[in-house]
């Protein structure tokens, strides 16, 4: 029997949160190339390290780590896109067969915009 990751699974919200936090950290360091895919890869590569760093980072809604107005605007746009996508997951009762499929979906959907 295959793995099913439903729209209400903690792994969906956890991945979205990790994506936002890591992307914000990368933006603050000026690492904008392939932001979505690189952030997801960082998360999957070492989830334990992410959990350690997450404890020290401000809340996902905070923009304090970002100083450049362009970075803040890009992060706010990413937040809005992720929030909208999560709403669509719930409304459509979206399911994924694996974490890789979830990551690929997020990367493709969110990476289509400017600065992705």
Protein backbone atom coordinates (compact mmCIF):
# COMPACT_ATOMS: atom_id res chain seq x y z
CA UNK A 1 0.00 0.00 0.00
CA UNK A 2 1.38 3.39 -1.02
CA UNK A 3 2.01 6.29 1.27
CA UNK A 4 -0.73 8.92 1.22
CA UNK A 5 -0.08 12.39 2.51
CA UNK A 6 -3.40 14.16 2.87
CA UNK A 7 -4.07 17.88 2.89
CA UNK A 8 -4.51 17.85 6.68
CA UNK A 9 -1.35 15.87 7.42
CA UNK A 10 1.16 17.60 9.73
CA UNK A 11 3.86 16.93 7.13
CA UNK A 12 2.18 19.30 4.68
CA UNK A 13 2.04 22.22 7.13
CA UNK A 14 5.50 21.30 8.47
CA UNK A 15 7.00 21.37 5.01
CA UNK A 16 5.36 24.72 4.27
CA UNK A 17 6.69 26.18 7.51
CA UNK A 18 10.18 24.81 6.87
CA UNK A 19 10.10 26.19 3.35
CA UNK A 20 9.22 29.68 4.62
CA UNK A 21 11.76 29.71 7.44
CA UNK A 22 14.63 28.39 5.36
CA UNK A 23 13.74 30.67 2.44
CA UNK A 24 13.73 33.66 4.80
CA UNK A 25 17.14 32.65 6.14
CA UNK A 26 18.50 32.22 2.60
CA UNK A 27 17.03 35.59 1.55
CA UNK A 28 18.70 37.29 4.53
CA UNK A 29 22.04 35.93 3.29
CA UNK A 30 21.31 37.07 -0.27
CA UNK A 31 20.95 33.51 -1.60
CA UNK A 32 18.06 33.95 -4.01
CA UNK A 33 18.99 31.52 -6.78
CA UNK A 34 16.41 28.72 -7.06
CA UNK A 35 15.06 29.76 -3.66
CA UNK A 36 12.17 27.30 -3.37
CA UNK A 37 13.96 24.18 -4.57
CA UNK A 38 17.11 24.99 -2.58
CA UNK A 39 15.13 25.61 0.60
CA UNK A 40 13.23 22.33 0.28
CA UNK A 41 16.48 20.48 -0.45
CA UNK A 42 18.07 21.98 2.69
CA UNK A 43 15.11 20.82 4.75
CA UNK A 44 15.07 17.27 3.39
CA UNK A 45 18.85 16.94 3.51
CA UNK A 46 19.07 17.52 7.26
CA UNK A 47 15.74 17.80 9.11
CA UNK A 48 17.48 17.53 12.50
CA UNK A 49 19.63 20.57 11.75
CA UNK A 50 16.51 22.44 10.62
CA UNK A 51 14.80 21.68 13.95
CA UNK A 52 17.81 23.03 15.86
CA UNK A 53 17.96 26.22 13.81
CA UNK A 54 14.17 26.64 13.92
CA UNK A 55 14.27 26.99 17.70
CA UNK A 56 16.48 30.09 17.36
CA UNK A 57 14.62 31.72 14.47
CA UNK A 58 11.79 34.23 14.90
CA UNK A 59 8.24 33.17 14.05
CA UNK A 60 7.50 32.43 10.40
CA UNK A 61 5.43 35.65 10.10
CA UNK A 62 8.30 37.87 11.25
CA UNK A 63 10.37 39.75 8.70
CA UNK A 64 12.95 41.09 11.18
CA UNK A 65 15.80 38.95 9.80
CA UNK A 66 15.37 40.72 6.46
CA UNK A 67 16.70 44.25 6.08
CA UNK A 68 16.35 44.98 2.37
CA UNK A 69 12.86 46.16 1.34
CA UNK A 70 13.07 44.01 -1.82
CA UNK A 71 13.77 40.93 0.31
CA UNK A 72 10.87 41.76 2.61
CA UNK A 73 8.55 42.16 -0.39
CA UNK A 74 9.74 38.87 -1.87
CA UNK A 75 9.22 37.06 1.44
CA UNK A 76 5.74 38.55 1.93
CA UNK A 77 4.84 37.44 -1.60
CA UNK A 78 6.10 33.92 -0.83
CA UNK A 79 4.10 33.86 2.43
CA UNK A 80 0.93 34.82 0.58
CA UNK A 81 1.55 32.21 -2.11
CA UNK A 82 2.13 29.46 0.46
CA UNK A 83 -0.97 30.47 2.43
CA UNK A 84 -3.06 30.43 -0.74
CA UNK A 85 -1.69 27.06 -1.76
CA UNK A 86 -2.44 25.55 1.65
CA UNK A 87 -6.02 26.84 1.39
CA UNK A 88 -6.34 25.21 -2.03
CA UNK A 89 -5.01 21.93 -0.57
CA UNK A 90 -7.78 21.97 2.03
CA UNK A 91 -10.53 23.01 -0.38
CA UNK A 92 -9.50 20.40 -2.94
CA UNK A 93 -8.59 17.75 -0.36
CA UNK A 94 -5.26 17.36 -2.18
CA UNK A 95 -3.19 14.24 -1.53
CA UNK A 96 0.39 13.33 -2.34
CA UNK A 97 1.94 9.89 -2.74
CA UNK A 98 5.30 10.84 -1.23
CA UNK A 99 7.28 13.66 0.31
CA UNK A 100 9.15 13.95 -2.98
CA UNK A 101 5.85 14.51 -4.80
CA UNK A 102 4.88 17.17 -2.23
CA UNK A 103 8.25 18.92 -2.62
CA UNK A 104 8.07 18.77 -6.41
CA UNK A 105 4.55 20.20 -6.37
CA UNK A 106 5.57 23.05 -4.08
CA UNK A 107 8.71 23.73 -6.08
CA UNK A 108 6.88 23.75 -9.41
CA UNK A 109 3.91 25.78 -8.19
CA UNK A 110 5.78 28.33 -6.11
CA UNK A 111 8.88 28.39 -8.27
CA UNK A 112 6.97 29.64 -11.28
CA UNK A 113 6.98 33.21 -9.97
CA UNK A 114 9.74 35.84 -10.15
CA UNK A 115 12.67 35.36 -7.79
CA UNK A 116 11.91 31.70 -7.27
